[in-house]
Protein backbone atom coordinates (compact mmCIF):
# COMPACT_ATOMS: atom_id res chain seq x y z
CA MET A 1 1.61 -28.88 -12.38
CA GLU A 2 0.26 -30.15 -15.70
CA ASP A 3 3.53 -31.90 -16.66
CA LEU A 4 3.97 -33.60 -13.27
CA THR A 5 2.57 -36.89 -11.95
CA PHE A 6 1.50 -37.76 -8.40
CA THR A 7 0.99 -41.53 -8.08
CA TYR A 8 3.18 -42.10 -4.98
CA PRO A 9 4.78 -45.40 -6.05
CA GLY A 10 5.50 -47.69 -3.09
CA LEU A 11 3.88 -45.45 -0.50
CA SER A 12 0.86 -47.69 0.10
CA THR A 13 3.09 -50.66 0.95
CA VAL A 14 5.17 -48.92 3.63
CA LYS A 15 4.76 -50.73 6.94
CA LYS A 16 4.95 -49.26 10.43
CA GLY A 17 8.60 -48.59 11.21
CA GLY A 18 9.61 -48.37 7.57
CA GLU A 19 8.86 -44.68 7.09
CA GLY A 20 12.43 -43.51 7.62
CA ALA A 21 13.88 -45.96 5.13
CA PHE A 22 11.22 -45.00 2.58
CA ILE A 23 12.14 -41.30 2.89
CA ASP A 24 15.88 -42.09 2.77
CA ALA A 25 15.44 -44.05 -0.47
CA ARG A 26 13.60 -41.17 -2.13
CA LEU A 27 16.12 -38.61 -0.92
CA LYS A 28 18.91 -40.76 -2.39
CA LEU A 29 17.18 -40.54 -5.76
CA LEU A 30 17.32 -36.77 -5.47
CA SER A 31 20.79 -36.27 -3.99
CA GLY A 32 22.58 -39.22 -5.60
CA SER A 33 24.09 -40.34 -2.29
CA ASP A 34 23.12 -42.37 0.76
CA THR A 35 21.44 -40.46 3.55
CA ASP A 36 19.79 -41.12 6.90
CA GLN A 37 17.98 -37.79 7.07
CA GLY A 38 14.62 -39.53 6.76
CA THR A 39 15.42 -42.01 9.50
CA ALA A 40 16.61 -39.20 11.76
CA PHE A 41 13.50 -37.15 10.99
CA VAL A 42 11.16 -40.01 11.91
CA ALA A 43 13.09 -40.65 15.12
CA ALA A 44 12.78 -36.98 16.07
CA HIS A 45 9.16 -36.34 15.08
CA GLY A 46 7.40 -39.64 14.40
CA GLU A 47 5.95 -40.14 17.86
CA ASP A 48 4.95 -36.56 18.68
CA ASP A 49 3.98 -35.44 15.18
CA PRO A 50 3.07 -38.31 12.86
CA GLY A 51 1.47 -35.80 10.47
CA ALA A 52 4.94 -34.38 9.79
CA VAL A 53 6.18 -37.81 8.72
CA GLU A 54 3.18 -38.37 6.45
CA TRP A 55 3.64 -34.93 4.86
CA LEU A 56 7.35 -35.54 4.24
CA MET A 57 6.79 -39.01 2.75
CA ARG A 58 4.40 -37.58 0.20
CA ALA A 59 6.50 -34.48 -0.44
CA VAL A 60 9.66 -36.42 -1.26
CA CYS A 61 7.60 -38.57 -3.63
CA VAL A 62 6.48 -35.45 -5.49
CA PHE A 63 10.12 -34.77 -6.38
CA SER A 64 11.51 -38.31 -6.76
CA GLU A 65 8.63 -39.24 -9.07
CA ASN A 66 9.21 -36.14 -11.21
CA ALA A 67 12.99 -35.87 -10.86
CA GLY A 68 13.62 -36.34 -14.58
CA VAL A 69 11.37 -33.49 -15.67
CA MET A 70 12.68 -31.23 -12.94
CA THR A 71 16.36 -31.98 -13.57
CA GLU A 72 15.87 -31.29 -17.27
CA ALA A 73 14.38 -27.92 -16.29
CA GLY A 74 17.54 -27.13 -14.30
CA MET A 75 16.36 -27.78 -10.75
CA LYS A 76 18.95 -28.47 -8.04
CA PHE A 77 17.63 -30.72 -5.28
CA GLY A 78 20.07 -29.85 -2.48
CA PRO A 79 18.17 -26.78 -1.26
CA VAL A 80 14.84 -28.55 -1.91
CA ILE A 81 15.55 -31.32 0.59
CA ALA A 82 16.34 -28.86 3.38
CA ARG A 83 13.17 -26.89 2.66
CA LEU A 84 10.97 -29.99 2.70
CA LEU A 85 12.43 -31.19 6.00
CA ARG A 86 11.72 -27.76 7.49
CA GLN A 87 8.21 -27.38 6.08
CA ALA A 88 7.12 -30.81 7.31
CA THR A 89 7.24 -29.65 10.93
CA HIS A 90 5.44 -26.34 10.39
CA PRO A 91 1.83 -26.02 11.55
CA GLY A 92 1.05 -24.41 8.19
CA ARG A 93 1.71 -27.62 6.23
CA LYS A 94 -1.20 -28.61 4.01
CA PRO A 95 -2.96 -31.97 4.43
CA PHE A 96 -3.15 -34.50 1.61
CA ASP A 97 -6.25 -34.14 -0.56
CA ALA A 98 -6.37 -35.96 -3.88
CA LEU A 99 -8.86 -33.45 -5.29
CA SER A 100 -7.31 -30.12 -4.26
CA ARG A 101 -3.68 -31.30 -4.42
CA ASP A 102 -2.92 -28.75 -1.70
CA LEU A 103 -0.02 -30.78 -0.28
CA GLU A 104 1.60 -31.18 -3.68
CA LYS A 105 1.12 -27.50 -4.50
CA GLN A 106 2.73 -26.47 -1.22
CA ALA A 107 5.69 -28.83 -1.66
CA LEU A 108 6.31 -27.33 -5.11
CA GLN A 109 5.95 -23.81 -3.70
CA VAL A 110 8.39 -24.21 -0.80
CA SER A 111 10.89 -25.95 -3.10
CA GLY A 112 11.14 -22.97 -5.46
CA TRP A 113 9.71 -24.90 -8.43
CA THR A 114 6.53 -22.84 -8.64
CA ARG A 115 8.50 -19.59 -8.52
CA ALA A 116 10.73 -20.72 -11.37
CA ILE A 117 7.77 -21.77 -13.53
CA LEU A 118 5.95 -18.47 -12.92
CA LEU A 119 8.99 -16.39 -13.83
CA SER A 120 9.71 -18.47 -16.95
CA ASN A 121 6.32 -17.43 -18.31
CA LEU A 122 6.89 -13.70 -17.85
CA LYS A 123 8.55 -11.32 -20.29
CA LEU A 124 11.27 -8.86 -19.32
CA PRO A 125 10.62 -5.19 -20.17
CA SER A 126 11.47 -4.12 -23.68
CA ARG A 127 14.38 -1.78 -24.33
CA ARG A 128 11.92 1.07 -24.84
CA SER A 129 10.21 0.27 -21.54
CA LEU A 130 13.55 0.10 -19.73
CA VAL A 131 14.31 3.69 -20.74
CA LYS A 132 10.97 4.81 -19.29
CA LEU A 133 11.30 2.69 -16.14
CA GLN A 134 14.84 3.81 -15.34
CA SER A 135 13.74 7.43 -15.59
CA ILE A 136 11.08 6.67 -12.96
CA TYR A 137 13.53 5.08 -10.53
CA TYR A 138 16.43 7.51 -10.87
CA SER A 139 16.71 11.26 -10.69
CA LYS A 140 19.63 11.43 -13.14
CA SER A 141 21.13 9.35 -15.90
CA ARG A 142 23.15 6.44 -14.60
CA ALA A 143 24.37 3.07 -15.87
CA SER A 144 21.60 0.54 -16.35
CA THR A 145 21.33 -3.05 -17.46
CA THR A 146 21.30 -1.83 -21.07
CA SER A 147 23.85 0.99 -20.73
CA MET A 148 21.33 3.30 -22.39
CA ALA A 149 21.13 7.06 -22.19
CA LEU A 150 18.16 7.98 -20.05
CA ASP A 151 15.77 10.82 -20.67
CA VAL A 152 16.06 12.40 -17.21
CA PRO A 153 16.14 16.18 -16.80
CA GLU A 154 19.22 17.70 -15.25
CA ILE A 155 18.78 19.04 -11.72
CA GLY A 156 20.61 22.21 -10.77
CA PRO A 157 22.36 22.93 -7.45
CA LEU A 158 20.28 22.63 -4.29
CA ASP A 159 18.70 25.80 -2.91
CA LYS A 160 18.77 25.07 0.82
CA ASP A 161 16.73 28.14 1.76
CA VAL A 162 13.93 27.21 -0.61
CA LEU A 163 14.02 23.60 0.59
CA SER A 164 13.84 24.71 4.22
CA THR A 165 10.93 27.08 3.64
CA GLN A 166 9.01 24.62 1.51
CA LEU A 167 9.48 21.69 3.88
CA ARG A 168 8.54 23.67 6.97
CA THR A 169 5.39 25.04 5.36
CA ASN A 170 4.16 21.88 3.70
CA LEU A 171 5.13 19.38 6.37
CA GLU A 172 3.41 21.40 9.06
CA LYS A 173 0.27 21.62 6.93
CA LEU A 174 0.42 17.88 6.28
CA LEU A 175 0.68 17.21 10.02
CA ASP A 176 -2.11 19.66 10.88
CA ASP A 177 -4.46 18.20 8.28
CA HIS A 178 -3.79 14.66 9.45
CA ASN A 179 -4.13 15.43 13.13
CA GLU A 180 -7.33 17.39 12.57
CA ALA A 181 -8.83 14.37 10.80
CA TRP A 182 -8.02 12.27 13.88
CA ALA A 183 -9.04 14.85 16.48
CA HIS A 184 -12.27 13.02 17.38
CA THR A 185 -12.28 9.24 17.44
CA GLU A 186 -14.30 6.23 18.49
CA GLU A 187 -12.55 3.24 20.03
CA ARG A 188 -12.38 -0.07 18.19
CA SER A 189 -10.76 -2.98 20.00
CA ILE A 190 -7.64 -4.66 18.72
CA GLN A 191 -9.57 -7.94 18.95
CA ASP A 192 -12.24 -6.69 16.52
CA ILE A 193 -9.56 -5.31 14.22
CA GLY A 194 -7.74 -8.64 14.40
CA ARG A 195 -10.81 -10.46 13.10
CA VAL A 196 -10.81 -8.15 10.09
CA ALA A 197 -7.09 -8.81 9.62
CA ASP A 198 -7.68 -12.56 9.48
CA VAL A 199 -10.34 -12.07 6.81
CA ILE A 200 -7.82 -10.03 4.82
CA GLN A 201 -5.24 -12.79 5.18
CA ASP A 202 -7.65 -15.32 3.70
CA VAL A 203 -8.75 -13.02 0.88
CA VAL A 204 -5.15 -12.22 -0.08
CA GLU A 205 -4.35 -15.92 -0.29
CA LEU A 206 -7.40 -16.42 -2.49
CA ALA A 207 -6.80 -13.46 -4.81
CA PHE A 208 -2.98 -13.10 -4.81
CA GLY A 209 -1.96 -16.62 -3.77
CA LYS A 210 -0.49 -17.52 -7.14
CA PHE A 211 2.46 -15.19 -6.51
CA VAL A 212 2.40 -14.82 -2.72
CA LEU A 213 2.61 -18.58 -2.14
CA ALA A 214 5.24 -19.05 -4.88
CA ASN A 215 7.74 -17.40 -2.53
CA PRO A 216 9.47 -20.38 -0.85
CA ASP A 217 9.83 -18.26 2.29
CA SER A 218 6.28 -16.88 2.30
CA PRO A 219 4.96 -16.50 5.86
CA TYR A 220 1.90 -18.43 4.73
CA HIS A 221 3.88 -21.69 4.57
CA PRO A 222 4.99 -22.01 8.21
CA GLY A 223 1.56 -20.86 9.33
CA PHE A 224 0.67 -17.58 11.04
CA LYS A 225 -2.29 -15.37 11.86
CA TYR A 226 -2.29 -11.76 10.76
CA SER A 227 -4.16 -10.87 13.95
CA ASP A 228 -1.16 -12.03 16.00
CA LYS A 229 1.03 -9.42 14.29
CA ILE A 230 -1.16 -6.43 15.15
CA VAL A 231 -0.18 -3.85 17.76
CA SER A 232 -1.78 -0.50 18.61
CA THR A 233 -0.24 2.56 16.98
CA THR A 234 -0.29 4.21 20.41
CA SER A 235 2.68 1.99 21.30
CA ARG A 236 4.81 3.10 18.35
CA ASP A 237 8.31 4.35 19.01
CA VAL A 238 8.36 8.13 19.42
CA SER A 239 12.06 8.53 20.14
CA PRO A 240 13.87 11.41 18.37
CA LYS A 241 15.22 8.96 15.78
CA ALA A 242 11.75 7.54 15.09
CA LEU A 243 10.21 11.01 14.76
CA LYS A 244 12.89 12.01 12.29
CA ASN A 245 12.35 8.86 10.24
CA PHE A 246 8.64 9.65 10.09
CA LEU A 247 9.40 13.18 8.86
CA LYS A 248 11.80 11.81 6.25
CA ASN A 249 9.01 9.63 4.92
CA ARG A 250 6.57 12.54 4.88
CA SER A 251 9.11 14.89 3.32
CA ASP A 252 9.26 12.53 0.35
CA VAL A 253 5.47 12.65 0.16
CA VAL A 254 5.28 16.44 -0.10
CA GLY A 255 8.62 16.67 -1.87
CA ASN A 256 7.53 14.53 -4.82
CA ASP A 257 3.94 15.77 -4.93
CA ASP A 258 3.18 17.08 -8.44
CA LYS A 259 1.20 20.08 -7.20
CA LEU A 260 3.44 21.08 -4.29
CA ALA A 261 6.66 20.32 -6.20
CA VAL A 262 8.76 20.98 -3.08
CA TYR A 263 11.82 19.10 -4.30
CA GLN A 264 11.57 20.54 -7.79
CA LYS A 265 11.37 24.12 -6.53
CA ALA A 266 14.48 23.59 -4.40
CA SER A 267 16.39 21.60 -7.05
CA TYR A 268 16.64 18.73 -4.57
CA ASP A 269 18.16 15.54 -5.95
CA PRO A 270 17.72 12.42 -3.76
CA GLY A 271 20.57 10.85 -5.73
CA ARG A 272 23.05 13.41 -4.31
CA PRO A 273 24.19 12.45 -0.78
CA GLU A 274 24.89 16.10 0.05
CA ASP A 275 21.29 17.01 -0.77
CA VAL A 276 19.97 14.26 1.48
CA GLU A 277 22.24 15.44 4.31
CA ALA A 278 20.97 18.99 3.88
CA ARG A 279 17.35 17.78 3.93
CA ASP A 280 17.99 15.74 7.08
CA ALA A 281 19.63 18.72 8.78
CA ILE A 282 16.48 20.78 8.09
CA LEU A 283 14.35 18.06 9.68
CA ASP A 284 16.64 17.98 12.72
CA GLU A 285 16.21 21.71 13.10
CA MET A 286 12.44 21.45 12.77
CA LEU A 287 12.26 18.83 15.52
CA LYS A 288 13.90 21.19 17.99
CA SER A 289 10.50 22.88 18.27
CA SER A 290 8.50 21.25 21.08
CA ALA A 291 5.24 22.31 19.39
CA LEU A 292 6.18 20.55 16.17
CA ARG A 293 7.41 17.49 18.04
CA LYS A 294 3.98 17.13 19.66
CA LYS A 295 2.36 17.24 16.22
CA VAL A 296 4.70 14.58 14.89
CA VAL A 297 4.11 12.34 17.93
CA ARG A 298 0.35 12.61 17.42
CA ALA A 299 0.71 11.84 13.72
CA VAL A 300 2.97 8.84 14.38
CA GLN A 301 0.51 7.37 16.88
CA THR A 302 -2.43 7.73 14.50
CA ASN A 303 -0.70 6.30 11.41
CA GLY A 304 -0.65 2.65 10.46
CA ALA A 305 2.84 1.24 9.93
CA HIS A 306 4.84 -1.92 9.35
CA SER A 307 8.19 -2.62 10.99
CA PRO A 308 10.16 -4.81 8.54
CA GLY A 309 12.65 -6.05 11.15
CA GLU A 310 10.05 -7.14 13.69
CA GLY A 311 7.19 -8.05 11.36
CA THR A 312 4.94 -5.99 13.61
CA ILE A 313 2.00 -4.18 12.06
CA TYR A 314 0.73 -1.08 13.85
CA VAL A 315 -2.94 -0.21 13.47
CA GLN A 316 -5.06 2.58 15.00
CA PRO A 317 -7.33 1.12 17.74
CA PHE A 318 -9.96 3.73 16.89
CA ILE A 319 -11.68 5.33 13.91
CA PRO A 320 -12.37 9.02 13.25
CA THR A 321 -15.93 10.18 13.86
CA GLN A 322 -15.96 13.07 11.38
CA ALA A 323 -17.22 10.91 8.48
CA GLU A 324 -19.73 8.12 7.87
CA LYS A 325 -18.86 5.22 10.15
CA THR A 326 -18.91 2.62 7.39
CA ASP A 327 -16.54 4.78 5.34
CA ARG A 328 -14.06 4.89 8.20
CA LEU A 329 -14.37 1.14 8.81
CA TRP A 330 -13.67 0.47 5.13
CA GLN A 331 -10.69 2.82 5.34
CA GLN A 332 -9.35 0.91 8.33
CA SER A 333 -9.63 -2.32 6.33
CA ARG A 334 -7.75 -0.70 3.46
CA THR A 335 -5.04 0.43 5.87
CA LEU A 336 -4.78 -3.11 7.24
CA MET A 337 -4.42 -4.36 3.66
CA HIS A 338 -1.73 -1.80 2.76
CA GLU A 339 0.33 -2.77 5.82
CA PHE A 340 -0.18 -6.47 5.07
CA MET A 341 1.26 -5.90 1.60
CA HIS A 342 4.34 -4.42 3.31
CA PHE A 343 4.52 -7.55 5.48
CA LEU A 344 4.52 -9.77 2.38
CA THR A 345 7.11 -7.70 0.50
CA HIS A 346 10.08 -9.79 -0.63
CA PRO A 347 13.31 -8.65 1.10
CA ARG A 348 15.05 -8.27 -2.28
CA PHE A 349 12.35 -5.90 -3.51
CA ARG A 350 12.77 -3.79 -0.39
CA SER A 351 16.56 -3.83 -0.75
CA VAL A 352 16.41 -2.72 -4.38
CA ALA A 353 13.88 -0.02 -3.51
CA ARG A 354 16.23 1.43 -0.93
CA SER A 355 19.07 1.56 -3.44
CA ILE A 356 17.31 3.77 -6.00
CA ASP A 357 16.78 7.52 -5.92
CA GLN A 358 12.97 7.51 -5.97
CA ARG A 359 12.52 4.84 -3.34
CA GLN A 360 8.98 5.93 -2.41
CA VAL A 361 7.76 4.85 -5.84
CA MET A 362 8.57 1.23 -5.04
CA ILE A 363 8.10 1.17 -1.28
CA GLU A 364 4.80 3.04 -1.10
CA GLY A 365 3.56 3.61 -4.65
CA VAL A 366 3.75 -0.03 -5.77
CA THR A 367 2.45 -1.16 -2.38
CA ASP A 368 -0.64 1.00 -2.73
CA LEU A 369 -1.14 -0.08 -6.33
CA LEU A 370 -1.34 -3.70 -5.14
CA THR A 371 -3.50 -2.61 -2.20
CA ALA A 372 -6.00 -0.94 -4.53
CA SER A 373 -6.17 -4.05 -6.71
CA MET A 374 -6.60 -6.28 -3.66
CA PHE A 375 -9.19 -3.97 -2.10
CA ARG A 376 -11.54 -4.49 -5.05
CA SER A 377 -11.47 -8.24 -4.54
CA PHE A 378 -11.88 -7.79 -0.79
CA VAL A 379 -14.97 -5.58 -1.11
CA ASP A 380 -16.50 -7.92 -3.67
CA ILE A 381 -16.09 -10.94 -1.39
CA VAL A 382 -17.20 -9.14 1.78
CA SER A 383 -20.30 -7.72 0.06
CA ARG A 384 -21.50 -11.24 -0.81
CA ARG A 385 -20.87 -12.82 2.59
CA PRO A 386 -23.05 -11.48 5.45
CA VAL A 387 -20.80 -13.02 8.09
CA LEU A 388 -17.79 -11.16 6.67
CA THR A 389 -19.81 -7.95 6.35
CA ARG A 390 -20.55 -8.10 10.07
CA ILE A 391 -16.86 -8.56 10.89
CA VAL A 392 -15.54 -5.84 8.58
CA LEU A 393 -18.26 -3.25 9.23
CA GLY A 394 -18.70 -4.03 12.91
CA GLY A 395 -22.37 -4.89 12.61
CA GLN A 396 -23.23 -1.79 10.60
CA PRO A 397 -25.60 -2.21 7.63
CA TYR A 398 -23.71 -2.82 4.40
CA ALA A 399 -22.73 0.27 2.46
CA ALA A 400 -20.17 0.31 -0.34
CA PRO A 401 -16.92 2.18 0.29
CA PRO A 402 -16.33 5.57 -1.35
CA VAL A 403 -15.08 5.11 -4.91
CA GLY A 404 -11.89 6.99 -4.07
CA MET A 405 -10.71 4.06 -1.92
CA PHE A 406 -10.30 2.01 -5.09
CA ASP A 407 -7.78 4.51 -6.46
CA VAL A 408 -4.04 4.23 -6.04
CA GLY A 409 -2.97 6.76 -3.43
CA TYR A 410 0.35 8.12 -2.19
CA ARG A 411 0.36 11.09 -4.56
CA ASN A 412 3.22 11.13 -7.06
CA ALA A 413 4.61 7.77 -5.91
CA GLY A 414 1.26 6.18 -6.74
CA SER A 415 1.12 7.91 -10.12
CA LYS A 416 4.58 6.61 -10.97
CA ALA A 417 3.57 3.11 -9.88
CA LEU A 418 0.71 3.28 -12.38
CA GLU A 419 3.24 4.20 -15.07
CA ILE A 420 5.22 1.07 -14.14
CA LEU A 421 2.01 -0.93 -14.45
CA ASP A 422 1.44 0.46 -17.94
CA GLU A 423 4.92 -0.63 -18.99
CA VAL A 424 5.14 -4.14 -17.54
CA GLY A 425 1.69 -5.34 -16.42
CA LEU A 426 0.40 -6.50 -13.05
CA ASP A 427 1.95 -9.99 -13.08
CA ASN A 428 5.45 -8.54 -13.51
CA ILE A 429 4.82 -6.22 -10.59
CA LYS A 430 3.64 -9.14 -8.43
CA ALA A 431 6.73 -11.12 -9.43
CA ALA A 432 8.98 -8.26 -8.33
CA TYR A 433 7.04 -7.47 -5.15
CA PHE A 434 6.32 -10.95 -3.79
CA LEU A 435 9.16 -12.96 -5.38
CA GLY A 436 11.96 -10.38 -5.47
CA ALA A 437 12.35 -10.66 -9.26
CA THR A 438 12.80 -6.93 -9.78
CA THR A 439 14.32 -7.28 -13.26
CA PHE A 440 10.73 -7.84 -14.43
CA ILE A 441 9.98 -4.22 -13.54
CA GLY A 442 13.25 -2.98 -15.01
CA VAL A 443 15.37 -2.31 -11.94
CA GLU A 444 18.24 -3.91 -10.07
CA LYS A 445 20.30 -2.82 -7.10
CA LYS A 446 22.80 -0.25 -8.38
CA LYS A 447 24.50 1.37 -5.46
CA LYS A 448 25.41 0.57 -1.89
CA GLU A 449 22.24 0.40 0.14
CA LYS A 450 22.03 2.95 2.93
CA LYS A 451 21.07 1.15 6.12
CA THR A 452 17.87 2.47 7.63
CA GLU A 453 15.36 1.60 10.31
CA GLU A 454 12.56 3.62 8.80
CA MET A 455 9.12 2.11 9.13
CA GLU A 456 6.87 1.70 6.16
CA VAL A 457 3.85 3.84 6.86
CA LEU A 458 0.55 4.50 5.20
């Protein structure tokens, strides 16, 4: 904002009834043609929502006053006008404050200006980094933005018997371990959890707002409450299709685990459609067992998740009693944070992630990397504010979370996300994740995306 001015020429002289004409005149400066959009807006909203008119008058001034600088930078004002008209009526619009400049910042954010400035200050991965990054995203050499030969080991033909044995053994152990950890629980109301969620929403805006709010379509702009998005995991879909999708997610967890090496042992290549079909057939066969189905249902209903289509975030309305209570409360906050990162994921990032071979690296690994970074800020803020400590820890005396909660989880996917971080830096990852600018982490959509309704789970 350093190169922009905010003096609002002519605004102080606008008389009652002249608001529409004032807006129309500024919009003409932007579009180059006559318009009555301002007059129509005031007629529609002026009486019931005068704050919307005031916000729009100031917002159009932000752009008309700085049109020269913005045009020189390549900005097109057509989409901007529509976005400003829409934002003016949202309850999340920021009030005018000459000190904070919150209104001006928001107008620039919803217009796309802030996003463009942020991205212009980032560097694309080097050619050397691209080689490394492409080998993380893909299981075999394929065309990339640089047409380079990738250092990816060849994968032999799939051994279906080995894959079947390995998946059955390791998935069942994963389910048993999870369900045992949740065998004994203590109830925590959705209302109490919702209060924690709203604290997380505020902390994320404070710590990650630079990139989160630069998304013109960020849910922060229209206004929302994280607590309104929360639903109990006990209401999650447990249809056959949902159970299979959960197992597919978990098969990638054990499959890509460095120690278990399930996929490696079976020569499974997620980039080969026939391998994926064989894997899915094994999961179908496993789900024919009523005993296993019960285990999967229990695991589904005790796992946090985010439904991208609905924007619903599922959270456990209880905590396990096998460990220190404050530890479990911190873990619940971390889960809420992980799922909130999913909620804020840019649709383009998700689309690109689903087009690559190693999708879990982007969908879960990068998500948990950002969660771990955010969790540090969250704990630091909560530890210094007694009122927040009471909300997050449910009235328990303050105790720091276990150090392991600050680590990036999700096994191999998390490890690979850390490798991406080493190559491009955290700001590039935020740009890809929150703004959809995935070229800054060295990946673009390469093949037809396979439609899926899988939930993103912790």
